[in-house]
Amino acid sequence: MTILIIGSPEEAHSAFIHHKIRQRGHEAIYLDTRAFPSQTRLSMFCGPQQPHLGTLHLPTEPLAVPLEQVEAVYWRYHMGFQWPAGIEGPFLLEMAQREIESALGSLFRMLPCRWVNSPEAIAQHAYKPYQLQLMHQAGIRIPQTLISNDPNAVTEFYERLNGQVIYKPVRGGAHTARLKPEDLKAKRLSELATAPVQFQEYVDGVDVRVYMVKDEVFAGEIHSRTLDFREDPDALIVPIQLPSAIEQDCRIIMRILGLMYTGIDARRTPQGEYVFLEGNPCPMFMHFEQQAGYPISDRLVDLLLNG
């Protein structure tokens, strides 16, 4: 059995799962997208009367890996691309990017194996507002949300929520902050012409992270001194048991987002209501696992090896 890890030994979670798979006596290999096509060689066959699906020859492996041998894929982190040297001009660079993305995207969809998580689930996570809308349509409580580059819409949203508003990137990659009155000045709002921003009602309460590995639930409260717990290295993680109705909400989120493994973020209000923020298809887990004592990585490896 060969497990393919989309990631790199430089990325801690990829390396951690790689080590655990090898400890159990199975083969694990990295697909670092930065090495394709300059160092990684890929051949895929399509149509009738072909000898096999194809091969993947990685710079870290002495032999080419038949694609049929890949029984599961752990999608941890797409490392991006490093363009081959010698490409001149934006047109040729754009064409090379299209060809690389099309080839890898086809590989990801043609591999007949178990995915944790699927390319479609990973791609959908790039559209977080759409993800939130799917959750809302399924009856999941989400915060009031505005995605906008319109200064008037932002001001109206702020006033309607009596100033209880936070903001963060539409896709992710930066921390959450409170929207302040000085942010509504013309000079600051003019920055919306650069990129739209996601605005949400501020939900008072405690952060809750829920890891779901197929049918198992691992939940914890995150007690932090900062609005965004990622900015607090001393945040305290306390294991908790979720109410059965909230566990069911988490299972609904997994189903509608097409996930087998996820880290779900929520806030629990002082009144005990859970407000859900997102379901991440490739969450970091090592710090949470170490602090809470949950066997998240073991269950993830179980899922990759046994389904």
Protein backbone atom coordinates (compact mmCIF):
# COMPACT_ATOMS: atom_id res chain seq x y z
CA MET A 1 0.00 0.00 0.00
CA THR A 2 1.26 3.46 -0.93
CA ILE A 3 -0.13 6.63 0.62
CA LEU A 4 0.42 9.85 -1.32
CA ILE A 5 0.79 13.01 0.75
CA ILE A 6 0.19 16.29 -1.02
CA GLY A 7 2.62 18.38 0.95
CA SER A 8 6.28 18.47 1.78
CA PRO A 9 8.68 17.25 4.50
CA GLU A 10 9.19 20.96 5.24
CA GLU A 11 5.56 21.18 6.40
CA ALA A 12 5.24 19.80 9.95
CA HIS A 13 1.85 18.11 9.66
CA SER A 14 2.71 16.42 6.37
CA ALA A 15 5.93 15.10 7.89
CA PHE A 16 4.15 13.96 11.07
CA ILE A 17 1.60 11.86 9.16
CA HIS A 18 4.34 10.57 6.82
CA HIS A 19 6.29 9.34 9.86
CA LYS A 20 3.24 7.66 11.43
CA ILE A 21 2.37 5.83 8.22
CA ARG A 22 5.94 4.57 7.88
CA GLN A 23 5.88 3.48 11.53
CA ARG A 24 2.99 1.17 10.70
CA GLY A 25 4.97 -0.47 7.92
CA HIS A 26 3.35 1.22 4.93
CA GLU A 27 4.89 3.32 2.19
CA ALA A 28 4.26 7.06 2.19
CA ILE A 29 5.48 9.47 -0.49
CA TYR A 30 5.27 13.23 -0.91
CA LEU A 31 3.91 15.05 -3.92
CA ASP A 32 5.41 18.51 -3.61
CA THR A 33 3.70 20.51 -6.35
CA ARG A 34 6.64 22.91 -6.54
CA ALA A 35 8.73 20.15 -8.14
CA PHE A 36 6.34 19.64 -11.09
CA PRO A 37 7.21 19.65 -13.93
CA SER A 38 10.87 20.58 -13.47
CA GLN A 39 11.78 17.60 -11.25
CA THR A 40 8.70 15.39 -10.98
CA ARG A 41 7.76 13.35 -14.06
CA LEU A 42 4.15 12.37 -14.62
CA SER A 43 2.64 10.11 -17.29
CA MET A 44 -1.10 9.40 -17.46
CA PHE A 45 -2.92 7.23 -19.98
CA CYS A 46 -6.51 7.76 -21.08
CA GLY A 47 -8.90 5.72 -23.17
CA PRO A 48 -9.10 2.07 -24.25
CA GLN A 49 -6.28 -0.45 -24.66
CA GLN A 50 -3.86 1.43 -22.43
CA PRO A 51 -1.28 -0.58 -20.44
CA HIS A 52 -2.11 1.05 -17.10
CA LEU A 53 -3.17 4.34 -15.55
CA GLY A 54 0.30 5.84 -15.52
CA THR A 55 3.34 6.58 -13.37
CA LEU A 56 4.64 9.27 -11.05
CA HIS A 57 8.41 9.63 -10.77
CA LEU A 58 9.25 11.83 -7.80
CA PRO A 59 12.66 13.43 -7.21
CA THR A 60 12.80 11.80 -3.76
CA GLU A 61 12.03 8.26 -5.02
CA PRO A 62 14.47 6.02 -6.94
CA LEU A 63 11.75 4.32 -8.98
CA ALA A 64 8.60 5.49 -10.72
CA VAL A 65 5.42 4.80 -8.73
CA PRO A 66 2.57 3.17 -10.69
CA LEU A 67 -0.54 5.22 -10.09
CA GLU A 68 -2.52 2.05 -9.43
CA GLN A 69 -0.43 1.47 -6.29
CA VAL A 70 -1.68 4.67 -4.66
CA GLU A 71 -4.48 3.54 -2.35
CA ALA A 72 -5.10 6.79 -0.47
CA VAL A 73 -4.19 10.47 -0.65
CA TYR A 74 -3.79 12.85 2.29
CA TRP A 75 -4.20 16.41 1.04
CA ARG A 76 -2.41 18.50 3.60
CA TYR A 77 -1.02 21.48 1.69
CA HIS A 78 -0.70 22.49 -1.93
CA MET A 79 2.77 24.04 -1.94
CA GLY A 80 2.14 26.09 -5.08
CA PHE A 81 4.29 26.11 -8.20
CA GLN A 82 7.81 27.16 -9.04
CA TRP A 83 7.87 28.02 -12.72
CA PRO A 84 10.58 26.41 -14.86
CA ALA A 85 13.43 28.70 -15.82
CA GLY A 86 13.54 30.12 -19.31
CA ILE A 87 9.90 31.12 -19.72
CA GLU A 88 9.79 34.65 -21.07
CA GLY A 89 6.80 36.94 -21.18
CA PRO A 90 3.42 36.89 -19.38
CA PHE A 91 1.61 35.01 -22.16
CA LEU A 92 3.93 32.00 -22.08
CA LEU A 93 3.95 32.04 -18.29
CA GLU A 94 0.15 32.00 -18.21
CA MET A 95 0.03 29.14 -20.72
CA ALA A 96 2.55 27.10 -18.72
CA GLN A 97 0.52 27.68 -15.55
CA ARG A 98 -2.67 26.52 -17.27
CA GLU A 99 -1.01 23.34 -18.56
CA ILE A 100 0.53 22.49 -15.18
CA GLU A 101 -2.74 23.06 -13.33
CA SER A 102 -4.72 21.06 -15.88
CA ALA A 103 -2.35 18.10 -15.71
CA LEU A 104 -2.24 18.01 -11.90
CA GLY A 105 -5.97 18.62 -11.61
CA SER A 106 -6.61 15.69 -13.94
CA LEU A 107 -4.26 13.49 -11.93
CA PHE A 108 -6.07 14.38 -8.72
CA ARG A 109 -9.42 13.42 -10.24
CA MET A 110 -8.23 10.29 -12.06
CA LEU A 111 -6.55 8.56 -9.12
CA PRO A 112 -9.01 5.78 -8.20
CA CYS A 113 -8.37 5.82 -4.46
CA ARG A 114 -9.52 7.17 -1.12
CA TRP A 115 -9.04 10.93 -0.70
CA VAL A 116 -8.75 12.75 2.63
CA ASN A 117 -10.08 15.11 1.44
CA SER A 118 -11.21 15.16 -2.19
CA PRO A 119 -10.03 17.78 -4.71
CA GLU A 120 -13.60 19.07 -4.95
CA ALA A 121 -13.83 19.57 -1.17
CA ILE A 122 -10.45 21.30 -1.13
CA ALA A 123 -11.44 23.58 -4.02
CA GLN A 124 -14.76 24.47 -2.40
CA HIS A 125 -12.96 25.69 0.72
CA ALA A 126 -11.44 28.49 -1.36
CA TYR A 127 -14.97 29.93 -1.59
CA LYS A 128 -15.74 30.38 2.10
CA PRO A 129 -18.82 32.59 1.63
CA TYR A 130 -20.35 29.85 -0.51
CA GLN A 131 -19.46 27.33 2.18
CA LEU A 132 -21.23 29.49 4.77
CA GLN A 133 -24.31 29.73 2.56
CA LEU A 134 -24.44 25.94 2.20
CA MET A 135 -24.30 25.63 5.98
CA HIS A 136 -27.07 28.20 6.42
CA GLN A 137 -29.27 26.43 3.87
CA ALA A 138 -28.81 23.20 5.85
CA GLY A 139 -30.11 24.85 9.00
CA ILE A 140 -26.73 25.51 10.63
CA ARG A 141 -26.45 28.73 12.65
CA ILE A 142 -23.81 31.02 11.12
CA PRO A 143 -22.97 34.66 11.88
CA GLN A 144 -24.51 37.45 9.85
CA THR A 145 -21.97 38.00 7.09
CA LEU A 146 -21.19 40.59 4.44
CA ILE A 147 -18.60 40.22 1.68
CA SER A 148 -18.09 43.55 0.03
CA ASN A 149 -15.83 46.16 -1.53
CA ASP A 150 -18.56 48.81 -1.26
CA PRO A 151 -17.85 51.38 1.48
CA ASN A 152 -21.56 52.25 1.80
CA ALA A 153 -22.54 48.60 2.32
CA VAL A 154 -19.85 48.19 5.00
CA THR A 155 -20.99 51.30 6.85
CA GLU A 156 -24.63 50.21 6.75
CA PHE A 157 -23.70 46.71 8.00
CA TYR A 158 -21.70 48.22 10.87
CA GLU A 159 -24.57 50.49 11.90
CA ARG A 160 -27.18 47.73 11.63
CA LEU A 161 -25.13 45.55 14.02
CA ASN A 162 -24.46 48.47 16.39
CA GLY A 163 -20.73 48.29 15.78
CA GLN A 164 -20.43 44.64 16.81
CA VAL A 165 -18.51 43.61 13.69
CA ILE A 166 -15.29 41.78 12.92
CA TYR A 167 -13.47 41.49 9.61
CA LYS A 168 -11.16 38.96 7.99
CA PRO A 169 -10.08 37.83 4.50
CA VAL A 170 -12.66 36.28 2.20
CA ARG A 171 -10.45 33.26 1.55
CA GLY A 172 -8.17 33.31 4.61
CA GLY A 173 -4.53 33.91 5.36
CA ALA A 174 -4.75 36.71 7.95
CA HIS A 175 -6.09 37.10 11.45
CA THR A 176 -9.52 38.37 12.51
CA ALA A 177 -9.86 41.93 13.86
CA ARG A 178 -12.63 44.13 15.27
CA LEU A 179 -14.04 46.78 12.94
CA LYS A 180 -13.52 50.14 14.65
CA PRO A 181 -15.03 53.59 13.97
CA GLU A 182 -11.73 54.78 12.53
CA ASP A 183 -11.95 51.96 9.95
CA LEU A 184 -15.03 53.67 8.53
CA LYS A 185 -13.18 56.82 7.51
CA ALA A 186 -12.95 57.48 3.79
CA LYS A 187 -9.21 56.84 3.49
CA ARG A 188 -9.46 53.47 5.20
CA LEU A 189 -12.57 52.40 3.27
CA SER A 190 -10.87 53.35 0.01
CA GLU A 191 -8.64 50.29 0.52
CA LEU A 192 -11.64 48.17 -0.43
CA ALA A 193 -10.86 49.09 -4.02
CA THR A 194 -7.86 46.76 -3.71
CA ALA A 195 -9.80 43.66 -2.62
CA PRO A 196 -13.15 42.75 -1.05
CA VAL A 197 -13.27 41.87 2.64
CA GLN A 198 -15.45 39.55 4.73
CA PHE A 199 -17.34 41.26 7.57
CA GLN A 200 -19.26 39.33 10.23
CA GLU A 201 -21.25 40.00 13.34
CA TYR A 202 -19.11 39.68 16.44
CA VAL A 203 -20.26 36.62 18.40
CA ASP A 204 -19.49 36.90 22.10
CA GLY A 205 -18.37 33.68 23.73
CA VAL A 206 -15.65 31.05 23.71
CA ASP A 207 -13.97 29.49 20.68
CA VAL A 208 -14.68 25.82 20.03
CA ARG A 209 -12.71 23.63 17.62
CA VAL A 210 -14.20 20.27 16.60
CA TYR A 211 -12.14 17.65 14.77
CA MET A 212 -14.14 15.02 12.93
CA VAL A 213 -12.40 11.93 11.59
CA LYS A 214 -15.11 10.04 9.77
CA ASP A 215 -17.49 9.17 12.64
CA GLU A 216 -15.33 10.22 15.59
CA VAL A 217 -15.60 13.59 17.31
CA PHE A 218 -12.84 15.40 19.21
CA ALA A 219 -13.91 18.77 20.61
CA GLY A 220 -12.26 21.39 22.76
CA GLU A 221 -12.77 24.90 24.05
CA ILE A 222 -9.99 27.38 23.29
CA HIS A 223 -9.58 29.97 26.02
CA SER A 224 -7.62 32.87 24.59
CA ARG A 225 -6.71 36.42 25.58
CA THR A 226 -7.01 37.58 21.97
CA LEU A 227 -9.92 37.90 19.56
CA ASP A 228 -8.21 35.46 17.17
CA PHE A 229 -6.84 32.57 19.23
CA ARG A 230 -4.12 31.97 16.64
CA GLU A 231 -2.44 35.12 17.95
CA ASP A 232 -2.24 33.77 21.51
CA PRO A 233 0.55 31.18 21.93
CA ASP A 234 -0.64 30.54 25.49
CA ALA A 235 -4.27 29.82 24.61
CA LEU A 236 -5.63 27.01 26.79
CA ILE A 237 -7.34 24.06 25.09
CA VAL A 238 -9.85 22.18 27.25
CA PRO A 239 -11.47 18.94 25.99
CA ILE A 240 -15.27 19.02 26.07
CA GLN A 241 -18.20 16.79 25.24
CA LEU A 242 -20.51 18.36 22.70
CA PRO A 243 -24.29 18.21 23.08
CA SER A 244 -25.75 15.55 20.79
CA ALA A 245 -27.57 18.16 18.70
CA ILE A 246 -24.30 20.02 18.06
CA GLU A 247 -22.54 16.78 17.12
CA GLN A 248 -25.31 16.24 14.61
CA ASP A 249 -24.75 19.73 13.22
CA CYS A 250 -21.06 18.85 12.76
CA ARG A 251 -22.01 15.69 10.87
CA ILE A 252 -24.30 17.75 8.64
CA ILE A 253 -21.42 20.14 7.92
CA MET A 254 -19.19 17.21 6.98
CA ARG A 255 -21.83 15.82 4.66
CA ILE A 256 -22.71 19.03 2.82
CA LEU A 257 -19.03 19.95 2.39
CA GLY A 258 -18.08 16.45 1.23
CA LEU A 259 -15.52 15.85 3.99
CA MET A 260 -14.14 12.70 5.61
CA TYR A 261 -11.90 14.67 7.97
CA THR A 262 -12.28 18.26 9.13
CA GLY A 263 -11.60 20.89 11.74
CA ILE A 264 -14.77 22.85 12.40
CA ASP A 265 -14.62 26.28 14.05
CA ALA A 266 -17.47 27.65 16.12
CA ARG A 267 -18.21 30.06 18.95
CA ARG A 268 -20.36 29.12 21.96
CA THR A 269 -22.26 32.10 23.33
CA PRO A 270 -22.82 32.70 27.07
CA GLN A 271 -26.37 31.41 26.46
CA GLY A 272 -24.98 28.10 25.15
CA GLU A 273 -25.77 28.64 21.47
CA TYR A 274 -23.21 27.37 18.94
CA VAL A 275 -22.48 29.62 15.96
CA PHE A 276 -20.47 27.90 13.23
CA LEU A 277 -17.76 29.67 11.22
CA GLU A 278 -16.24 27.10 8.83
CA GLY A 279 -15.26 23.50 8.16
CA ASN A 280 -11.60 23.22 7.16
CA PRO A 281 -10.74 20.27 4.85
CA CYS A 282 -7.02 20.16 5.77
CA PRO A 283 -6.68 21.61 9.27
CA MET A 284 -3.56 21.74 11.38
CA PHE A 285 -3.93 19.41 14.36
CA MET A 286 -0.60 18.87 16.13
CA HIS A 287 -0.88 21.60 18.78
CA PHE A 288 -4.52 20.74 19.52
CA GLU A 289 -3.68 17.03 19.77
CA GLN A 290 -0.78 17.66 22.13
CA GLN A 291 -2.74 20.01 24.38
CA ALA A 292 -6.02 18.07 24.50
CA GLY A 293 -4.58 14.56 24.44
CA TYR A 294 -6.78 13.41 21.57
CA PRO A 295 -5.54 10.69 19.14
CA ILE A 296 -6.43 12.76 16.06
CA SER A 297 -3.38 11.80 14.01
CA ASP A 298 -3.79 8.09 14.81
CA ARG A 299 -7.41 8.18 13.65
CA LEU A 300 -6.38 10.09 10.54
CA VAL A 301 -3.82 7.42 9.70
CA ASP A 302 -6.46 4.74 10.40
CA LEU A 303 -8.70 6.47 7.89
CA LEU A 304 -5.98 6.64 5.25
CA LEU A 305 -4.99 2.99 5.69
CA ASN A 306 -8.35 1.36 6.31
CA GLY A 307 -11.08 3.72 5.15
